[in-house]
């Protein structure tokens, strides 16, 4: 699962026993050599789908990590691009990485549930971050995203179809979530990372409540399952003209 340049087991254990923020600070130098980074195939497919409806002006990569999503935005935005994350270590790596020609990029350290922006973005993307938010935090997160989008702006992120119940992948994810719940029950601060809490039906409902009009775009690059459903979809949430004030931020911090 890991390349030779990736973290050793001892380093992964140190991360898992830390807070989310400190854990990602530790992992940042080797993050791009782990399977936790969003695959290039997903990034490329997302960029391809966005090109068909763009271009956009300003873009925000929510929980940007080392900046893979910023590179997607740089392909489809003609104005400025912003990466926001709460891990100083991840942002430090993102700043050092070579960038392709494109719009100017800025990096901001902030909590995704208390974003320090007004409604200035036309496009917000996020890749692989939602497992770091508890279900009760998702309404606040979505409301914050809605508050930084201009009317008609879009919030876009890929979702992979869940594995079949009882399949090896399903059992592995259930086991991982169970281990994390036990770890968080006996050790503080918690390390929030769950794979089975971000369900598409709940996501659509909360996005609608936050003032979005939700569409699901199949990503044909990944094919379909036996039942005909797409293996990977792009959630495209368009900001409605009027938005309710965002809920008060929840205590705690998100992860990249």
Protein backbone atom coordinates (compact mmCIF):
# COMPACT_ATOMS: atom_id res chain seq x y z
CA UNK A 1 0.00 0.00 0.00
CA UNK A 2 2.91 2.36 0.67
CA UNK A 3 5.83 3.29 -1.54
CA UNK A 4 9.38 3.07 -0.15
CA UNK A 5 9.23 6.84 0.42
CA UNK A 6 6.10 6.48 2.55
CA UNK A 7 5.80 6.46 6.34
CA UNK A 8 6.94 3.55 8.45
CA UNK A 9 4.58 1.71 10.78
CA UNK A 10 6.00 3.52 13.79
CA UNK A 11 5.27 6.87 12.15
CA UNK A 12 1.69 5.85 11.35
CA UNK A 13 1.14 4.77 14.95
CA UNK A 14 2.48 8.10 16.20
CA UNK A 15 0.04 9.86 13.91
CA UNK A 16 -2.94 7.75 15.00
CA UNK A 17 -2.17 8.40 18.67
CA UNK A 18 -2.01 12.16 18.14
CA UNK A 19 -4.74 14.71 17.57
CA UNK A 20 -5.95 15.06 13.99
CA UNK A 21 -4.07 18.32 13.54
CA UNK A 22 -0.77 17.15 14.99
CA UNK A 23 -1.10 13.78 13.28
CA UNK A 24 -1.27 15.41 9.88
CA UNK A 25 1.57 17.74 10.75
CA UNK A 26 3.65 14.60 11.36
CA UNK A 27 2.46 12.83 8.23
CA UNK A 28 2.72 15.82 5.88
CA UNK A 29 6.27 15.25 4.51
CA UNK A 30 5.35 11.74 3.36
CA UNK A 31 1.62 12.15 2.74
CA UNK A 32 1.88 12.10 -1.05
CA UNK A 33 3.50 8.65 -0.83
CA UNK A 34 0.53 7.09 0.95
CA UNK A 35 -2.81 5.71 -0.33
CA UNK A 36 -4.54 8.48 1.64
CA UNK A 37 -3.82 10.97 -1.14
CA UNK A 38 -6.63 11.17 -3.69
CA UNK A 39 -5.58 9.21 -6.81
CA UNK A 40 -4.64 11.20 -9.88
CA UNK A 41 -7.32 9.34 -11.83
CA UNK A 42 -10.03 10.86 -9.61
CA UNK A 43 -8.47 14.32 -9.80
CA UNK A 44 -8.18 14.16 -13.58
CA UNK A 45 -11.77 12.92 -14.03
CA UNK A 46 -13.05 15.72 -11.80
CA UNK A 47 -11.09 18.34 -13.73
CA UNK A 48 -12.41 16.94 -17.02
CA UNK A 49 -16.03 17.17 -15.79
CA UNK A 50 -15.54 20.72 -14.54
CA UNK A 51 -13.97 21.86 -17.80
CA UNK A 52 -17.20 20.97 -19.59
CA UNK A 53 -19.15 23.47 -17.46
CA UNK A 54 -16.49 26.11 -16.75
CA UNK A 55 -14.44 28.14 -16.80
CA UNK A 56 -14.81 29.48 -13.29
CA UNK A 57 -13.31 32.60 -11.78
CA UNK A 58 -12.26 32.04 -8.15
CA UNK A 59 -11.83 28.60 -6.56
CA UNK A 60 -11.36 27.18 -3.06
CA UNK A 61 -9.91 23.77 -2.16
CA UNK A 62 -11.51 22.89 1.19
CA UNK A 63 -9.17 20.90 3.47
CA UNK A 64 -6.52 21.12 0.77
CA UNK A 65 -3.81 19.01 2.41
CA UNK A 66 -0.72 19.06 0.20
CA UNK A 67 -2.60 20.78 -2.61
CA UNK A 68 -3.77 18.11 -5.04
CA UNK A 69 -7.20 19.76 -5.34
CA UNK A 70 -5.60 23.15 -5.90
CA UNK A 71 -4.03 21.70 -9.03
CA UNK A 72 -7.51 20.73 -10.24
CA UNK A 73 -8.74 24.27 -9.62
CA UNK A 74 -5.75 25.70 -11.46
CA UNK A 75 -6.94 23.88 -14.59
CA UNK A 76 -10.50 25.25 -14.51
CA UNK A 77 -10.27 28.67 -12.81
CA UNK A 78 -9.09 31.81 -14.58
CA UNK A 79 -8.97 34.08 -11.54
CA UNK A 80 -7.41 33.14 -8.21
CA UNK A 81 -7.24 29.85 -6.31
CA UNK A 82 -7.12 29.35 -2.53
CA UNK A 83 -6.19 26.28 -0.51
CA UNK A 84 -7.44 26.15 3.09
CA UNK A 85 -6.39 23.62 5.72
CA UNK A 86 -5.87 23.58 9.46
CA UNK A 87 -2.61 21.59 9.40
CA UNK A 88 0.41 23.85 9.24
CA UNK A 89 2.52 20.88 8.18
CA UNK A 90 0.32 20.05 5.21
CA UNK A 91 0.23 23.69 4.09
CA UNK A 92 4.00 23.91 4.36
CA UNK A 93 4.37 20.97 1.98
CA UNK A 94 1.75 22.43 -0.35
CA UNK A 95 3.63 25.73 -0.58
CA UNK A 96 6.89 23.97 -1.49
CA UNK A 97 5.42 21.81 -4.24
CA UNK A 98 5.96 22.92 -7.82
CA UNK A 99 2.86 24.42 -9.41
CA UNK A 100 1.87 24.36 -13.08
CA UNK A 101 1.24 27.67 -14.87
CA UNK A 102 -2.14 29.06 -13.93
CA UNK A 103 -3.91 31.55 -11.70
CA UNK A 104 -2.28 32.89 -8.53
CA UNK A 105 -2.55 30.61 -5.50
CA UNK A 106 -2.73 31.52 -1.82
CA UNK A 107 -2.68 29.25 1.21
CA UNK A 108 -4.75 29.90 4.33
CA UNK A 109 -4.64 28.08 7.65
CA UNK A 110 -8.17 27.92 9.04
CA UNK A 111 -10.89 25.68 10.45
CA UNK A 112 -13.24 24.48 7.70
CA UNK A 113 -16.16 24.94 10.10
CA UNK A 114 -15.34 28.62 10.62
CA UNK A 115 -14.09 29.83 7.25
CA UNK A 116 -12.54 33.33 7.24
CA UNK A 117 -14.01 34.36 3.87
CA UNK A 118 -17.01 36.17 2.55
CA UNK A 119 -19.07 35.03 -0.48
CA UNK A 120 -16.18 35.39 -2.94
CA UNK A 121 -15.80 31.97 -4.57
CA UNK A 122 -17.41 30.54 -7.70
CA UNK A 123 -16.24 26.98 -7.09
CA UNK A 124 -15.37 24.99 -3.95
CA UNK A 125 -13.93 21.49 -4.22
CA UNK A 126 -12.88 18.95 -1.62
CA UNK A 127 -11.15 15.58 -1.90
CA UNK A 128 -10.99 12.87 0.73
CA UNK A 129 -11.65 15.04 3.79
CA UNK A 130 -15.17 14.19 4.90
CA UNK A 131 -14.24 11.21 7.05
CA UNK A 132 -12.70 13.70 9.47
CA UNK A 133 -16.09 15.24 10.30
CA UNK A 134 -18.61 13.68 12.65
CA UNK A 135 -22.18 13.49 11.29
CA UNK A 136 -23.33 16.25 13.66
CA UNK A 137 -20.67 18.55 12.18
CA UNK A 138 -21.68 18.13 8.55
CA UNK A 139 -24.55 20.69 8.61
CA UNK A 140 -22.16 23.33 9.94
CA UNK A 141 -19.54 22.42 7.35
CA UNK A 142 -22.00 22.65 4.45
CA UNK A 143 -23.42 25.94 5.74
CA UNK A 144 -19.93 27.38 5.92
CA UNK A 145 -19.25 26.34 2.33
CA UNK A 146 -22.54 27.92 1.24
CA UNK A 147 -21.59 31.16 3.02
CA UNK A 148 -18.38 31.58 0.99
CA UNK A 149 -19.95 30.88 -2.42
CA UNK A 150 -21.38 33.53 -4.66
CA UNK A 151 -24.98 32.95 -5.79
CA UNK A 152 -24.86 30.31 -8.48
CA UNK A 153 -21.48 29.01 -7.28
CA UNK A 154 -20.84 25.30 -6.99
CA UNK A 155 -19.59 22.93 -4.32
CA UNK A 156 -18.15 19.83 -5.99
CA UNK A 157 -16.64 16.61 -4.65
CA UNK A 158 -16.37 12.96 -5.78
CA UNK A 159 -18.00 10.07 -3.96
CA UNK A 160 -17.20 6.40 -4.49
CA UNK A 161 -20.01 3.85 -4.44
CA UNK A 162 -20.03 1.91 -1.16
CA UNK A 163 -18.70 -1.65 -1.27
CA UNK A 164 -21.16 -4.52 -1.24
CA UNK A 165 -22.13 -5.63 2.29
CA UNK A 166 -20.00 -8.54 3.35
CA UNK A 167 -17.31 -7.92 0.73
CA UNK A 168 -13.66 -7.85 1.87
CA UNK A 169 -13.56 -4.06 1.42
CA UNK A 170 -16.73 -3.59 3.44
CA UNK A 171 -15.38 -5.77 6.27
CA UNK A 172 -12.06 -3.89 6.23
CA UNK A 173 -13.75 -0.48 6.46
CA UNK A 174 -16.05 -1.65 9.23
CA UNK A 175 -13.05 -2.97 11.12
CA UNK A 176 -11.15 0.28 10.67
CA UNK A 177 -14.07 2.37 11.94
CA UNK A 178 -14.52 0.05 14.90
CA UNK A 179 -10.85 0.35 15.86
CA UNK A 180 -11.05 4.14 15.62
CA UNK A 181 -14.14 4.26 17.82
CA UNK A 182 -12.41 2.14 20.46
CA UNK A 183 -9.27 4.29 20.22
CA UNK A 184 -11.29 7.49 20.65
CA UNK A 185 -13.22 6.05 23.58
CA UNK A 186 -10.06 5.41 25.58
CA UNK A 187 -7.66 8.13 24.44
CA UNK A 188 -7.75 11.91 24.18
CA UNK A 189 -7.53 13.94 22.08
CA UNK A 190 -9.56 11.96 19.54
CA UNK A 191 -8.38 11.21 16.03
CA UNK A 192 -11.51 11.52 13.91
CA UNK A 193 -11.31 9.41 10.76
CA UNK A 194 -14.23 7.22 9.76
CA UNK A 195 -14.99 5.70 6.36
CA UNK A 196 -18.64 4.72 6.78
CA UNK A 197 -20.27 7.85 8.23
CA UNK A 198 -20.53 9.97 5.06
CA UNK A 199 -23.55 8.43 3.35
CA UNK A 200 -24.82 9.85 0.06
CA UNK A 201 -28.48 10.01 1.10
CA UNK A 202 -27.62 11.98 4.24
CA UNK A 203 -25.25 14.19 2.26
CA UNK A 204 -27.91 15.15 -0.27
CA UNK A 205 -30.39 15.97 2.47
CA UNK A 206 -27.95 18.17 4.39
CA UNK A 207 -26.81 19.97 1.25
CA UNK A 208 -30.43 20.79 0.41
CA UNK A 209 -31.00 22.11 3.92
CA UNK A 210 -27.92 24.30 3.58
CA UNK A 211 -29.32 25.98 0.47
CA UNK A 212 -27.92 23.87 -2.37
CA UNK A 213 -29.51 22.32 -5.43
CA UNK A 214 -27.87 18.91 -5.76
CA UNK A 215 -26.98 17.02 -8.93
CA UNK A 216 -25.07 13.75 -9.31
CA UNK A 217 -22.78 13.39 -12.31
CA UNK A 218 -21.42 9.92 -13.14
CA UNK A 219 -17.71 9.86 -13.86
CA UNK A 220 -17.60 7.52 -16.87
CA UNK A 221 -13.86 6.96 -16.54
CA UNK A 222 -14.57 4.49 -13.70
CA UNK A 223 -17.36 2.47 -15.29
CA UNK A 224 -20.43 1.02 -13.61
CA UNK A 225 -21.26 -1.67 -11.10
CA UNK A 226 -23.20 -4.83 -11.93
CA UNK A 227 -26.47 -3.11 -11.02
CA UNK A 228 -25.75 -0.34 -13.54
CA UNK A 229 -24.98 2.37 -10.99
CA UNK A 230 -21.80 4.46 -11.41
CA UNK A 231 -18.75 3.39 -9.46
CA UNK A 232 -17.83 7.03 -8.87
CA UNK A 233 -20.08 10.07 -8.93
CA UNK A 234 -19.42 13.77 -8.73
CA UNK A 235 -21.68 15.61 -6.29
CA UNK A 236 -22.39 19.02 -7.82
CA UNK A 237 -24.20 21.30 -5.38
CA UNK A 238 -25.28 24.65 -6.79
CA UNK A 239 -25.75 27.54 -4.37
CA UNK A 240 -29.27 28.94 -4.42
CA UNK A 241 -29.84 32.68 -4.58
CA UNK A 242 -30.73 33.04 -0.90
CA UNK A 243 -28.93 31.34 1.97
CA UNK A 244 -29.71 31.12 5.65
CA UNK A 245 -27.05 32.40 8.07
CA UNK A 246 -24.53 29.64 8.80
CA UNK A 247 -24.87 27.81 12.14
CA UNK A 248 -22.45 28.63 14.90
CA UNK A 249 -19.14 26.81 14.42
CA UNK A 250 -18.73 23.55 16.29
CA UNK A 251 -15.85 23.32 18.72
CA UNK A 252 -12.91 21.30 17.51
CA UNK A 253 -11.05 21.30 14.24
CA UNK A 254 -11.31 19.51 10.90
CA UNK A 255 -8.59 17.64 9.14
CA UNK A 256 -7.15 17.91 5.69
